[in-house]
Amino acid sequence: MADLAAVYFLGQLGKETTPGTGVAANKLMQSFGLGRMQGQGAGTMFRPQGSKLNTIVVPPGMRFVNIPFDGVMTYNEMEYINNSVFNAVSSTNDGTNGKKWTHTLTKGAADTKQTYTFENGNATHAQKATFVQATSLQLEMSKAMNKMTGNFVGQQIQDDITITGSPTEIDPVIIAPQSFDVFTAATQAGLPGLTGGTAYARPFKVTLNVDNIVTPLFRMASADASFIAMMETPPTITLKVTTDADDAGMAFLANLTAGSTVFWQVRSIGAVIAGAIPSAYSFLLTFAGKVPQHYNPTEDMGSALAEWTFENVYDATWTKSIEVVTISTLASL
């Protein structure tokens, strides 16, 4: 028997071709950590009338795992999250050596989402789960932080496995808090995209929340060790924007009154990706939202601020509700 130091428990991902069919988890992230698997599904204890003590347990049938993750946003590694949260895509060329990834959500049809095999542990003892897919994501962006948190769900724990040796370590390229700019407009066409534009004057913090992405589907079949599919659900998507409590910040009261849409972009441009046709490390979040409720009065650094919550909506002119674009040198997962 060996004592296992928690600090050496690796969390590795492998891109599945068929959801639920395990593969070698041969990629090791450097910018976000994958926590130890948390088994879900509880049995039911039974105590018959006349006994004050329990006598039997009904074992759990709906067994699966939660895998929390947390870390920072990087131009390349966050693609392992985006492909599972939004939709699974392939990169396209941007310049000579840049690779562009574009994600969105379909209004009335299924979005294919990437699943992974997850391995957790070390050479002494390890576990794994298959059909691992993201169920939530939060991005916190400000001058003080760049934070990414969320959760994966996977099929039930497979214990005492041999962890994949020598995984490829993905080289992280950080999205620096200094690089963020925020833009807003009354239409999506009024936003600048990856170049140009006049930034919104007083943003202090922007937080994207994506939740209720999928839910596991279980059937009554003795051969099934866990769920057989992940079903998309109406996601909860919000953008919280903290502004000054001045005339510009209070202008969103008019959107609250009118029920009109506000479009936002958060942009980060990083280092140049060299080549005959140069590119640049880039992150671009575009969001359409409405204001369903009053702002939350808050303060920071001695300044009176207002936190506005924008609920994501589909825009018929843009034909989208949200889009996330990254450019890096990552060609594939």
C-alpha atoms as a PDB file:
ATOM      1  CA  MET A   1       0.000   0.000   0.000  1.00  0.00           C
ATOM      2  CA  ALA A   2       1.312   3.444  -0.924  1.00  0.00           C
ATOM      3  CA  ASP A   3       0.423   6.906   0.310  1.00  0.00           C
ATOM      4  CA  LEU A   4      -0.586   9.083  -2.643  1.00  0.00           C
ATOM      5  CA  ALA A   5       0.428  12.738  -2.651  1.00  0.00           C
ATOM      6  CA  ALA A   6      -2.471  14.722  -4.092  1.00  0.00           C
ATOM      7  CA  VAL A   7      -0.108  17.208  -5.724  1.00  0.00           C
ATOM      8  CA  TYR A   8       1.047  14.537  -8.200  1.00  0.00           C
ATOM      9  CA  PHE A   9      -2.432  13.537  -9.400  1.00  0.00           C
ATOM     10  CA  LEU A  10      -2.434  14.321 -13.111  1.00  0.00           C
ATOM     11  CA  GLY A  11      -5.566  15.194 -15.067  1.00  0.00           C
ATOM     12  CA  GLN A  12      -5.252  14.205 -18.738  1.00  0.00           C
ATOM     13  CA  LEU A  13      -7.642  14.471 -21.701  1.00  0.00           C
ATOM     14  CA  GLY A  14      -7.983  12.468 -24.893  1.00  0.00           C
ATOM     15  CA  LYS A  15     -10.214  13.503 -27.805  1.00  0.00           C
ATOM     16  CA  GLU A  16     -12.870  10.850 -28.443  1.00  0.00           C
ATOM     17  CA  THR A  17     -13.936  10.011 -31.996  1.00  0.00           C
ATOM     18  CA  THR A  18     -17.109   8.249 -30.838  1.00  0.00           C
ATOM     19  CA  PRO A  19     -18.652   9.625 -27.615  1.00  0.00           C
ATOM     20  CA  GLY A  20     -18.187   7.094 -24.834  1.00  0.00           C
ATOM     21  CA  THR A  21     -15.578   5.004 -26.633  1.00  0.00           C
ATOM     22  CA  GLY A  22     -12.436   5.466 -24.606  1.00  0.00           C
ATOM     23  CA  VAL A  23      -9.131   6.638 -26.040  1.00  0.00           C
ATOM     24  CA  ALA A  24      -5.690   7.298 -24.581  1.00  0.00           C
ATOM     25  CA  ALA A  25      -5.794  10.526 -22.591  1.00  0.00           C
ATOM     26  CA  ASN A  26      -2.624  11.868 -24.159  1.00  0.00           C
ATOM     27  CA  LYS A  27      -2.932  15.646 -23.631  1.00  0.00           C
ATOM     28  CA  LEU A  28      -1.881  17.460 -20.459  1.00  0.00           C
ATOM     29  CA  MET A  29      -3.083  21.028 -19.910  1.00  0.00           C
ATOM     30  CA  GLN A  30      -0.835  23.677 -18.389  1.00  0.00           C
ATOM     31  CA  SER A  31      -3.281  26.571 -17.932  1.00  0.00           C
ATOM     32  CA  PHE A  32      -6.228  24.864 -16.243  1.00  0.00           C
ATOM     33  CA  GLY A  33      -6.451  22.048 -13.752  1.00  0.00           C
ATOM     34  CA  LEU A  34      -8.899  19.164 -13.852  1.00  0.00           C
ATOM     35  CA  GLY A  35      -9.967  18.099 -10.378  1.00  0.00           C
ATOM     36  CA  ARG A  36     -10.376  14.569  -9.051  1.00  0.00           C
ATOM     37  CA  MET A  37     -13.550  12.831 -10.162  1.00  0.00           C
ATOM     38  CA  GLN A  38     -16.549  13.229  -7.881  1.00  0.00           C
ATOM     39  CA  GLY A  39     -18.806  10.190  -8.112  1.00  0.00           C
ATOM     40  CA  GLN A  40     -22.528  10.958  -8.437  1.00  0.00           C
ATOM     41  CA  GLY A  41     -25.554   8.732  -7.799  1.00  0.00           C
ATOM     42  CA  ALA A  42     -26.577   7.726  -4.295  1.00  0.00           C
ATOM     43  CA  GLY A  43     -28.174   4.521  -3.071  1.00  0.00           C
ATOM     44  CA  THR A  44     -31.336   4.490  -0.945  1.00  0.00           C
ATOM     45  CA  MET A  45     -31.261   3.029   2.548  1.00  0.00           C
ATOM     46  CA  PHE A  46     -34.313   1.068   3.738  1.00  0.00           C
ATOM     47  CA  ARG A  47     -35.614   0.526   7.268  1.00  0.00           C
ATOM     48  CA  PRO A  48     -38.668  -1.739   7.650  1.00  0.00           C
ATOM     49  CA  GLN A  49     -41.484  -0.928  10.037  1.00  0.00           C
ATOM     50  CA  GLY A  50     -40.704  -2.316  13.472  1.00  0.00           C
ATOM     51  CA  SER A  51     -36.956  -1.818  13.171  1.00  0.00           C
ATOM     52  CA  LYS A  52     -35.075   1.232  14.264  1.00  0.00           C
ATOM     53  CA  LEU A  53     -32.060   0.156  12.224  1.00  0.00           C
ATOM     54  CA  ASN A  54     -31.571   0.118   8.470  1.00  0.00           C
ATOM     55  CA  THR A  55     -31.513  -3.355   6.949  1.00  0.00           C
ATOM     56  CA  ILE A  56     -30.799  -2.926   3.229  1.00  0.00           C
ATOM     57  CA  VAL A  57     -29.658  -0.490   0.573  1.00  0.00           C
ATOM     58  CA  VAL A  58     -30.923  -0.038  -2.971  1.00  0.00           C
ATOM     59  CA  PRO A  59     -27.695   0.511  -4.952  1.00  0.00           C
ATOM     60  CA  PRO A  60     -27.494   3.560  -7.212  1.00  0.00           C
ATOM     61  CA  GLY A  61     -28.476   2.957 -10.824  1.00  0.00           C
ATOM     62  CA  MET A  62     -27.754   6.402 -12.313  1.00  0.00           C
ATOM     63  CA  ARG A  63     -23.999   6.623 -11.819  1.00  0.00           C
ATOM     64  CA  PHE A  64     -21.744   9.285 -13.325  1.00  0.00           C
ATOM     65  CA  VAL A  65     -18.987  11.718 -12.316  1.00  0.00           C
ATOM     66  CA  ASN A  66     -18.447  15.449 -12.023  1.00  0.00           C
ATOM     67  CA  ILE A  67     -15.023  16.810 -12.911  1.00  0.00           C
ATOM     68  CA  PRO A  68     -14.501  20.458 -11.922  1.00  0.00           C
ATOM     69  CA  PHE A  69     -11.895  22.543 -13.708  1.00  0.00           C
ATOM     70  CA  ASP A  70     -10.341  25.911 -13.018  1.00  0.00           C
ATOM     71  CA  GLY A  71      -7.495  27.987 -14.334  1.00  0.00           C
ATOM     72  CA  VAL A  72      -6.813  30.881 -16.676  1.00  0.00           C
ATOM     73  CA  MET A  73      -7.721  31.658 -20.271  1.00  0.00           C
ATOM     74  CA  THR A  74      -5.100  30.947 -22.920  1.00  0.00           C
ATOM     75  CA  TYR A  75      -5.452  31.378 -26.661  1.00  0.00           C
ATOM     76  CA  ASN A  76      -4.796  27.696 -27.369  1.00  0.00           C
ATOM     77  CA  GLU A  77      -5.783  25.485 -24.419  1.00  0.00           C
ATOM     78  CA  MET A  78      -9.222  27.024 -23.943  1.00  0.00           C
ATOM     79  CA  GLU A  79     -10.156  25.402 -27.268  1.00  0.00           C
ATOM     80  CA  TYR A  80     -10.449  22.107 -25.378  1.00  0.00           C
ATOM     81  CA  ILE A  81     -13.220  23.819 -23.398  1.00  0.00           C
ATOM     82  CA  ASN A  82     -14.869  25.773 -26.253  1.00  0.00           C
ATOM     83  CA  ASN A  83     -15.276  22.666 -28.418  1.00  0.00           C
ATOM     84  CA  SER A  84     -17.222  20.968 -25.633  1.00  0.00           C
ATOM     85  CA  VAL A  85     -19.233  23.981 -24.405  1.00  0.00           C
ATOM     86  CA  PHE A  86     -20.344  25.451 -27.749  1.00  0.00           C
ATOM     87  CA  ASN A  87     -19.771  23.257 -30.803  1.00  0.00           C
ATOM     88  CA  ALA A  88     -17.004  21.021 -32.089  1.00  0.00           C
ATOM     89  CA  VAL A  89     -15.246  22.617 -35.059  1.00  0.00           C
ATOM     90  CA  SER A  90     -12.034  22.355 -37.044  1.00  0.00           C
ATOM     91  CA  SER A  91      -9.580  25.211 -37.288  1.00  0.00           C
ATOM     92  CA  THR A  92      -9.075  27.251 -40.447  1.00  0.00           C
ATOM     93  CA  ASN A  93      -5.940  29.048 -41.616  1.00  0.00           C
ATOM     94  CA  ASP A  94      -5.382  32.648 -40.551  1.00  0.00           C
ATOM     95  CA  GLY A  95      -2.308  34.027 -42.245  1.00  0.00           C
ATOM     96  CA  THR A  96       0.579  31.648 -42.822  1.00  0.00           C
ATOM     97  CA  ASN A  97       0.817  29.984 -39.408  1.00  0.00           C
ATOM     98  CA  GLY A  98      -2.263  31.133 -37.476  1.00  0.00           C
ATOM     99  CA  LYS A  99      -5.177  28.785 -36.791  1.00  0.00           C
ATOM    100  CA  LYS A 100      -8.654  30.237 -36.313  1.00  0.00           C
ATOM    101  CA  TRP A 101     -11.402  28.549 -34.288  1.00  0.00           C
ATOM    102  CA  THR A 102     -14.969  29.900 -34.496  1.00  0.00           C
ATOM    103  CA  HIS A 103     -17.743  28.693 -32.184  1.00  0.00           C
ATOM    104  CA  THR A 104     -21.429  29.504 -31.930  1.00  0.00           C
ATOM    105  CA  LEU A 105     -24.744  27.861 -31.000  1.00  0.00           C
ATOM    106  CA  THR A 106     -27.504  26.767 -33.384  1.00  0.00           C
ATOM    107  CA  LYS A 107     -30.969  28.145 -32.629  1.00  0.00           C
ATOM    108  CA  GLY A 108     -33.149  25.176 -33.590  1.00  0.00           C
ATOM    109  CA  ALA A 109     -30.899  22.173 -34.217  1.00  0.00           C
ATOM    110  CA  ALA A 110     -28.349  20.040 -32.403  1.00  0.00           C
ATOM    111  CA  ASP A 111     -24.776  21.209 -31.953  1.00  0.00           C
ATOM    112  CA  THR A 112     -22.126  18.496 -32.047  1.00  0.00           C
ATOM    113  CA  LYS A 113     -19.978  18.850 -28.944  1.00  0.00           C
ATOM    114  CA  GLN A 114     -16.586  17.313 -28.333  1.00  0.00           C
ATOM    115  CA  THR A 115     -16.282  14.569 -25.716  1.00  0.00           C
ATOM    116  CA  TYR A 116     -13.127  13.334 -24.036  1.00  0.00           C
ATOM    117  CA  THR A 117     -11.678  10.440 -22.115  1.00  0.00           C
ATOM    118  CA  PHE A 118     -10.354  11.712 -18.791  1.00  0.00           C
ATOM    119  CA  GLU A 119      -7.611  10.016 -16.810  1.00  0.00           C
ATOM    120  CA  ASN A 120      -6.768  11.070 -13.276  1.00  0.00           C
ATOM    121  CA  GLY A 121      -3.950   9.868 -11.057  1.00  0.00           C
ATOM    122  CA  ASN A 122      -0.405   8.624 -11.567  1.00  0.00           C
ATOM    123  CA  ALA A 123       1.593   5.447 -12.079  1.00  0.00           C
ATOM    124  CA  THR A 124       0.742   4.262  -8.568  1.00  0.00           C
ATOM    125  CA  HIS A 125      -3.032   4.479  -8.929  1.00  0.00           C
ATOM    126  CA  ALA A 126      -5.286   6.017 -11.543  1.00  0.00           C
ATOM    127  CA  GLN A 127      -8.923   6.213 -12.618  1.00  0.00           C
ATOM    128  CA  LYS A 128     -10.708   7.245 -15.789  1.00  0.00           C
ATOM    129  CA  ALA A 129     -14.078   8.240 -17.206  1.00  0.00           C
ATOM    130  CA  THR A 130     -15.343   8.288 -20.772  1.00  0.00           C
ATOM    131  CA  PHE A 131     -17.977  10.459 -22.521  1.00  0.00           C
ATOM    132  CA  VAL A 132     -16.646  13.495 -20.645  1.00  0.00           C
ATOM    133  CA  GLN A 133     -18.390  16.697 -21.738  1.00  0.00           C
ATOM    134  CA  ALA A 134     -18.573  20.231 -20.374  1.00  0.00           C
ATOM    135  CA  THR A 135     -21.778  21.231 -18.590  1.00  0.00           C
ATOM    136  CA  SER A 136     -20.827  24.736 -17.429  1.00  0.00           C
ATOM    137  CA  LEU A 137     -18.287  27.485 -18.048  1.00  0.00           C
ATOM    138  CA  GLN A 138     -17.502  30.823 -16.440  1.00  0.00           C
ATOM    139  CA  LEU A 139     -15.019  33.378 -17.803  1.00  0.00           C
ATOM    140  CA  GLU A 140     -14.107  36.297 -15.521  1.00  0.00           C
ATOM    141  CA  MET A 141     -12.278  39.128 -17.269  1.00  0.00           C
ATOM    142  CA  SER A 142     -10.984  42.378 -15.805  1.00  0.00           C
ATOM    143  CA  LYS A 143      -7.789  44.383 -15.318  1.00  0.00           C
ATOM    144  CA  ALA A 144      -7.147  42.291 -12.213  1.00  0.00           C
ATOM    145  CA  MET A 145      -7.946  38.829 -13.478  1.00  0.00           C
ATOM    146  CA  ASN A 146      -8.373  36.315 -16.231  1.00  0.00           C
ATOM    147  CA  LYS A 147     -10.133  33.306 -14.727  1.00  0.00           C
ATOM    148  CA  MET A 148     -11.809  30.238 -16.214  1.00  0.00           C
ATOM    149  CA  THR A 149     -13.884  27.760 -14.200  1.00  0.00           C
ATOM    150  CA  GLY A 150     -16.522  25.158 -14.946  1.00  0.00           C
ATOM    151  CA  ASN A 151     -17.506  21.515 -14.810  1.00  0.00           C
ATOM    152  CA  PHE A 152     -17.362  18.367 -16.906  1.00  0.00           C
ATOM    153  CA  VAL A 153     -19.671  15.359 -16.554  1.00  0.00           C
ATOM    154  CA  GLY A 154     -18.544  11.860 -17.506  1.00  0.00           C
ATOM    155  CA  GLN A 155     -19.627   8.259 -17.303  1.00  0.00           C
ATOM    156  CA  GLN A 156     -19.011   6.346 -14.091  1.00  0.00           C
ATOM    157  CA  ILE A 157     -15.542   5.855 -12.626  1.00  0.00           C
ATOM    158  CA  GLN A 158     -13.334   3.097 -14.020  1.00  0.00           C
ATOM    159  CA  ASP A 159     -10.905   2.345 -11.214  1.00  0.00           C
ATOM    160  CA  ASP A 160      -7.336   1.060 -11.120  1.00  0.00           C
ATOM    161  CA  ILE A 161      -6.410   1.797 -14.721  1.00  0.00           C
ATOM    162  CA  THR A 162      -2.941   2.369 -16.187  1.00  0.00           C
ATOM    163  CA  ILE A 163      -2.566   6.061 -16.867  1.00  0.00           C
ATOM    164  CA  THR A 164      -1.344   7.055 -20.327  1.00  0.00           C
ATOM    165  CA  GLY A 165       2.370   7.751 -20.132  1.00  0.00           C
ATOM    166  CA  SER A 166       4.243  10.723 -21.577  1.00  0.00           C
ATOM    167  CA  PRO A 167       1.219  12.895 -22.449  1.00  0.00           C
ATOM    168  CA  THR A 168       1.789  15.857 -24.754  1.00  0.00           C
ATOM    169  CA  GLU A 169       2.008  19.051 -22.716  1.00  0.00           C
ATOM    170  CA  ILE A 170       0.151  21.883 -24.458  1.00  0.00           C
ATOM    171  CA  ASP A 171       2.230  25.060 -24.458  1.00  0.00           C
ATOM    172  CA  PRO A 172      -0.008  27.783 -22.990  1.00  0.00           C
ATOM    173  CA  VAL A 173      -0.079  31.281 -24.471  1.00  0.00           C
ATOM    174  CA  ILE A 174      -1.699  33.495 -21.842  1.00  0.00           C
ATOM    175  CA  ILE A 175      -4.470  36.000 -22.492  1.00  0.00           C
ATOM    176  CA  ALA A 176      -3.084  38.852 -20.392  1.00  0.00           C
ATOM    177  CA  PRO A 177      -5.566  41.009 -18.423  1.00  0.00           C
ATOM    178  CA  GLN A 178      -3.784  44.073 -19.828  1.00  0.00           C
ATOM    179  CA  SER A 179      -4.897  43.094 -23.352  1.00  0.00           C
ATOM    180  CA  PHE A 180      -8.692  43.232 -22.850  1.00  0.00           C
ATOM    181  CA  ASP A 181     -10.866  45.785 -24.620  1.00  0.00           C
ATOM    182  CA  VAL A 182     -14.667  45.985 -24.454  1.00  0.00           C
ATOM    183  CA  PHE A 183     -17.023  47.287 -27.156  1.00  0.00           C
ATOM    184  CA  THR A 184     -20.788  47.796 -27.242  1.00  0.00           C
ATOM    185  CA  ALA A 185     -23.293  48.725 -29.968  1.00  0.00           C
ATOM    186  CA  ALA A 186     -26.983  48.645 -30.798  1.00  0.00           C
ATOM    187  CA  THR A 187     -26.364  46.166 -33.643  1.00  0.00           C
ATOM    188  CA  GLN A 188     -23.859  43.403 -34.266  1.00  0.00           C
ATOM    189  CA  ALA A 189     -22.748  45.221 -37.424  1.00  0.00           C
ATOM    190  CA  GLY A 190     -21.771  48.168 -35.228  1.00  0.00           C
ATOM    191  CA  LEU A 191     -19.092  46.122 -33.462  1.00  0.00           C
ATOM    192  CA  PRO A 192     -15.510  46.224 -34.770  1.00  0.00           C
ATOM    193  CA  GLY A 193     -14.500  42.565 -34.706  1.00  0.00           C
ATOM    194  CA  LEU A 194     -10.792  41.772 -34.497  1.00  0.00           C
ATOM    195  CA  THR A 195      -9.524  45.189 -35.592  1.00  0.00           C
ATOM    196  CA  GLY A 196     -10.307  48.856 -35.034  1.00  0.00           C
ATOM    197  CA  GLY A 197     -13.265  50.290 -33.190  1.00  0.00           C
ATOM    198  CA  THR A 198     -13.743  52.690 -30.289  1.00  0.00           C
ATOM    199  CA  ALA A 199     -13.688  50.862 -26.983  1.00  0.00           C
ATOM    200  CA  TYR A 200     -16.402  51.346 -24.368  1.00  0.00           C
ATOM    201  CA  ALA A 201     -15.043  53.961 -21.967  1.00  0.00           C
ATOM    202  CA  ARG A 202     -15.871  52.558 -18.546  1.00  0.00           C
ATOM    203  CA  PRO A 203     -15.946  48.750 -18.325  1.00  0.00           C
ATOM    204  CA  PHE A 204     -14.501  47.330 -15.101  1.00  0.00           C
ATOM    205  CA  LYS A 205     -15.353  43.630 -15.209  1.00  0.00           C
ATOM    206  CA  VAL A 206     -17.064  41.252 -17.642  1.00  0.00           C
ATOM    207  CA  THR A 207     -18.195  37.754 -16.651  1.00  0.00           C
ATOM    208  CA  LEU A 208     -19.610  35.205 -19.081  1.00  0.00           C
ATOM    209  CA  ASN A 209     -21.669  32.383 -17.569  1.00  0.00           C
ATOM    210  CA  VAL A 210     -22.786  29.371 -19.611  1.00  0.00           C
ATOM    211  CA  ASP A 211     -24.736  26.736 -17.679  1.00  0.00           C
ATOM    212  CA  ASN A 212     -27.211  23.871 -18.206  1.00  0.00           C
ATOM    213  CA  ILE A 213     -25.501  22.913 -21.457  1.00  0.00           C
ATOM    214  CA  VAL A 214     -26.391  19.212 -21.494  1.00  0.00           C
ATOM    215  CA  THR A 215     -27.862  16.567 -19.220  1.00  0.00           C
ATOM    216  CA  PRO A 216     -27.113  12.819 -19.142  1.00  0.00           C
ATOM    217  CA  LEU A 217     -29.678  10.321 -20.462  1.00  0.00           C
ATOM    218  CA  PHE A 218     -30.096   6.974 -18.675  1.00  0.00           C
ATOM    219  CA  ARG A 219     -32.162   4.006 -19.857  1.00  0.00           C
ATOM    220  CA  MET A 220     -33.279   0.764 -18.211  1.00  0.00           C
ATOM    221  CA  ALA A 221     -30.720  -1.693 -19.614  1.00  0.00           C
ATOM    222  CA  SER A 222     -28.531  -3.910 -17.438  1.00  0.00           C
ATOM    223  CA  ALA A 223     -25.645  -3.657 -19.899  1.00  0.00           C
ATOM    224  CA  ASP A 224     -25.342   0.102 -19.372  1.00  0.00           C
ATOM    225  CA  ALA A 225     -22.828   1.032 -16.705  1.00  0.00           C
ATOM    226  CA  SER A 226     -23.763   4.711 -16.975  1.00  0.00           C
ATOM    227  CA  PHE A 227     -25.610   7.177 -19.214  1.00  0.00           C
ATOM    228  CA  ILE A 228     -25.899   6.462 -22.948  1.00  0.00           C
ATOM    229  CA  ALA A 229     -26.096  10.001 -24.333  1.00  0.00           C
ATOM    230  CA  MET A 230     -25.913  13.683 -23.470  1.00  0.00           C
ATOM    231  CA  MET A 231     -29.021  15.669 -24.323  1.00  0.00           C
ATOM    232  CA  GLU A 232     -28.854  19.389 -25.063  1.00  0.00           C
ATOM    233  CA  THR A 233     -31.055  21.585 -22.906  1.00  0.00           C
ATOM    234  CA  PRO A 234     -31.947  25.294 -23.184  1.00  0.00           C
ATOM    235  CA  PRO A 235     -28.715  26.774 -21.816  1.00  0.00           C
ATOM    236  CA  THR A 236     -28.559  29.611 -19.320  1.00  0.00           C
ATOM    237  CA  ILE A 237     -26.174  32.198 -20.783  1.00  0.00           C
ATOM    238  CA  THR A 238     -25.526  35.591 -19.199  1.00  0.00           C
ATOM    239  CA  LEU A 239     -22.984  38.367 -19.506  1.00  0.00           C
ATOM    240  CA  LYS A 240     -22.440  40.491 -16.422  1.00  0.00           C
ATOM    241  CA  VAL A 241     -20.864  43.851 -17.203  1.00  0.00           C
ATOM    242  CA  THR A 242     -19.721  46.204 -14.454  1.00  0.00           C
ATOM    243  CA  THR A 243     -19.774  49.859 -15.524  1.00  0.00           C
ATOM    244  CA  ASP A 244     -19.515  53.294 -13.978  1.00  0.00           C
ATOM    245  CA  ALA A 245     -22.739  54.495 -12.345  1.00  0.00           C
ATOM    246  CA  ASP A 246     -22.643  57.638 -14.504  1.00  0.00           C
ATOM    247  CA  ASP A 247     -24.751  58.800 -17.452  1.00  0.00           C
ATOM    248  CA  ALA A 248     -23.130  56.273 -19.798  1.00  0.00           C
ATOM    249  CA  GLY A 249     -23.605  53.401 -17.360  1.00  0.00           C
ATOM    250  CA  MET A 250     -27.205  54.345 -16.647  1.00  0.00           C
ATOM    251  CA  ALA A 251     -27.982  54.480 -20.375  1.00  0.00           C
ATOM    252  CA  PHE A 252     -28.816  50.769 -20.174  1.00  0.00           C
ATOM    253  CA  LEU A 253     -31.953  51.714 -18.232  1.00  0.00           C
ATOM    254  CA  ALA A 254     -33.382  52.658 -21.632  1.00  0.00           C
ATOM    255  CA  ASN A 255     -32.736  49.111 -22.862  1.00  0.00           C
ATOM    256  CA  LEU A 256     -34.460  47.767 -19.750  1.00  0.00           C
ATOM    257  CA  THR A 257     -37.500  49.943 -20.477  1.00  0.00           C
ATOM    258  CA  ALA A 258     -37.652  49.226 -24.216  1.00  0.00           C
ATOM    259  CA  GLY A 259     -36.656  45.555 -24.106  1.00  0.00           C
ATOM    260  CA  SER A 260     -34.059  46.287 -26.792  1.00  0.00           C
ATOM    261  CA  THR A 261     -30.942  44.231 -27.506  1.00  0.00           C
ATOM    262  CA  VAL A 262     -27.428  45.299 -26.560  1.00  0.00           C
ATOM    263  CA  PHE A 263     -24.431  43.828 -28.361  1.00  0.00           C
ATOM    264  CA  TRP A 264     -21.089  43.352 -26.614  1.00  0.00           C
ATOM    265  CA  GLN A 265     -17.604  42.342 -27.656  1.00  0.00           C
ATOM    266  CA  VAL A 266     -14.642  41.473 -25.461  1.00  0.00           C
ATOM    267  CA  ARG A 267     -11.394  41.397 -27.416  1.00  0.00           C
ATOM    268  CA  SER A 268      -7.808  40.474 -26.672  1.00  0.00           C
ATOM    269  CA  ILE A 269      -4.988  40.728 -29.191  1.00  0.00           C
ATOM    270  CA  GLY A 270      -1.701  39.097 -28.253  1.00  0.00           C
ATOM    271  CA  ALA A 271       1.673  38.519 -29.827  1.00  0.00           C
ATOM    272  CA  VAL A 272       2.264  38.297 -33.560  1.00  0.00           C
ATOM    273  CA  ILE A 273       2.269  34.827 -35.112  1.00  0.00           C
ATOM    274  CA  ALA A 274       5.158  35.158 -37.538  1.00  0.00           C
ATOM    275  CA  GLY A 275       4.967  34.062 -41.155  1.00  0.00           C
ATOM    276  CA  ALA A 276       4.969  35.302 -44.717  1.00  0.00           C
ATOM    277  CA  ILE A 277       1.430  36.473 -43.977  1.00  0.00           C
ATOM    278  CA  PRO A 278       1.514  37.321 -40.259  1.00  0.00           C
ATOM    279  CA  SER A 279      -1.343  36.693 -37.878  1.00  0.00           C
ATOM    280  CA  ALA A 280      -1.823  37.385 -34.169  1.00  0.00           C
ATOM    281  CA  TYR A 281      -2.960  35.496 -31.107  1.00  0.00           C
ATOM    282  CA  SER A 282      -6.559  36.661 -30.643  1.00  0.00           C
ATOM    283  CA  PHE A 283      -9.674  36.158 -28.544  1.00  0.00           C
ATOM    284  CA  LEU A 284     -13.059  37.633 -29.488  1.00  0.00           C
ATOM    285  CA  LEU A 285     -16.324  37.111 -27.606  1.00  0.00           C
ATOM    286  CA  THR A 286     -19.450  38.560 -29.262  1.00  0.00           C
ATOM    287  CA  PHE A 287     -22.707  38.506 -27.296  1.00  0.00           C
ATOM    288  CA  ALA A 288     -26.280  39.643 -27.918  1.00  0.00           C
ATOM    289  CA  GLY A 289     -28.293  40.265 -24.769  1.00  0.00           C
ATOM    290  CA  LYS A 290     -31.304  41.926 -23.234  1.00  0.00           C
ATOM    291  CA  VAL A 291     -31.656  43.578 -19.829  1.00  0.00           C
ATOM    292  CA  PRO A 292     -34.423  41.781 -17.904  1.00  0.00           C
ATOM    293  CA  GLN A 293     -33.735  43.358 -14.506  1.00  0.00           C
ATOM    294  CA  HIS A 294     -32.315  46.433 -12.786  1.00  0.00           C
ATOM    295  CA  TYR A 295     -28.588  46.774 -12.226  1.00  0.00           C
ATOM    296  CA  ASN A 296     -26.899  45.794  -8.997  1.00  0.00           C
ATOM    297  CA  PRO A 297     -25.297  48.835  -7.273  1.00  0.00           C
ATOM    298  CA  THR A 298     -21.715  48.005  -6.313  1.00  0.00           C
ATOM    299  CA  GLU A 299     -18.372  49.710  -5.778  1.00  0.00           C
ATOM    300  CA  ASP A 300     -14.695  49.016  -6.312  1.00  0.00           C
ATOM    301  CA  MET A 301     -11.504  51.038  -5.885  1.00  0.00           C
ATOM    302  CA  GLY A 302     -13.609  53.768  -4.264  1.00  0.00           C
ATOM    303  CA  SER A 303     -15.819  54.192  -7.339  1.00  0.00           C
ATOM    304  CA  ALA A 304     -19.620  53.815  -7.435  1.00  0.00           C
ATOM    305  CA  LEU A 305     -20.338  51.134 -10.048  1.00  0.00           C
ATOM    306  CA  ALA A 306     -23.276  49.282 -11.566  1.00  0.00           C
ATOM    307  CA  GLU A 307     -23.359  45.580 -12.455  1.00  0.00           C
ATOM    308  CA  TRP A 308     -25.693  44.857 -15.374  1.00  0.00           C
ATOM    309  CA  THR A 309     -26.828  41.338 -16.235  1.00  0.00           C
ATOM    310  CA  PHE A 310     -27.548  40.710 -19.917  1.00  0.00           C
ATOM    311  CA  GLU A 311     -29.483  37.560 -20.841  1.00  0.00           C
ATOM    312  CA  ASN A 312     -28.376  35.998 -24.120  1.00  0.00           C
ATOM    313  CA  VAL A 313     -30.851  36.191 -27.029  1.00  0.00           C
ATOM    314  CA  TYR A 314     -30.902  35.119 -30.652  1.00  0.00           C
ATOM    315  CA  ASP A 315     -30.717  38.027 -33.102  1.00  0.00           C
ATOM    316  CA  ALA A 316     -32.498  37.406 -36.416  1.00  0.00           C
ATOM    317  CA  THR A 317     -30.338  39.864 -38.355  1.00  0.00           C
ATOM    318  CA  TRP A 318     -27.055  38.421 -37.089  1.00  0.00           C
ATOM    319  CA  THR A 319     -28.586  34.883 -37.064  1.00  0.00           C
ATOM    320  CA  LYS A 320     -26.622  34.152 -33.888  1.00  0.00           C
ATOM    321  CA  SER A 321     -26.759  34.802 -30.167  1.00  0.00           C
ATOM    322  CA  ILE A 322     -23.125  34.308 -29.219  1.00  0.00           C
ATOM    323  CA  GLU A 323     -19.816  33.694 -30.963  1.00  0.00           C
ATOM    324  CA  VAL A 324     -16.361  32.902 -29.601  1.00  0.00           C
ATOM    325  CA  VAL A 325     -13.303  33.172 -31.857  1.00  0.00           C
ATOM    326  CA  THR A 326      -9.705  32.342 -30.988  1.00  0.00           C
ATOM    327  CA  ILE A 327      -6.602  32.511 -33.156  1.00  0.00           C
ATOM    328  CA  SER A 328      -3.467  30.637 -32.089  1.00  0.00           C
ATOM    329  CA  THR A 329      -1.057  28.084 -33.491  1.00  0.00           C
ATOM    330  CA  LEU A 330      -3.167  25.126 -32.257  1.00  0.00           C
ATOM    331  CA  ALA A 331      -4.137  23.213 -35.393  1.00  0.00           C
ATOM    332  CA  SER A 332      -6.132  20.379 -33.750  1.00  0.00           C
ATOM    333  CA  LEU A 333      -7.137  18.999 -30.376  1.00  0.00           C
END
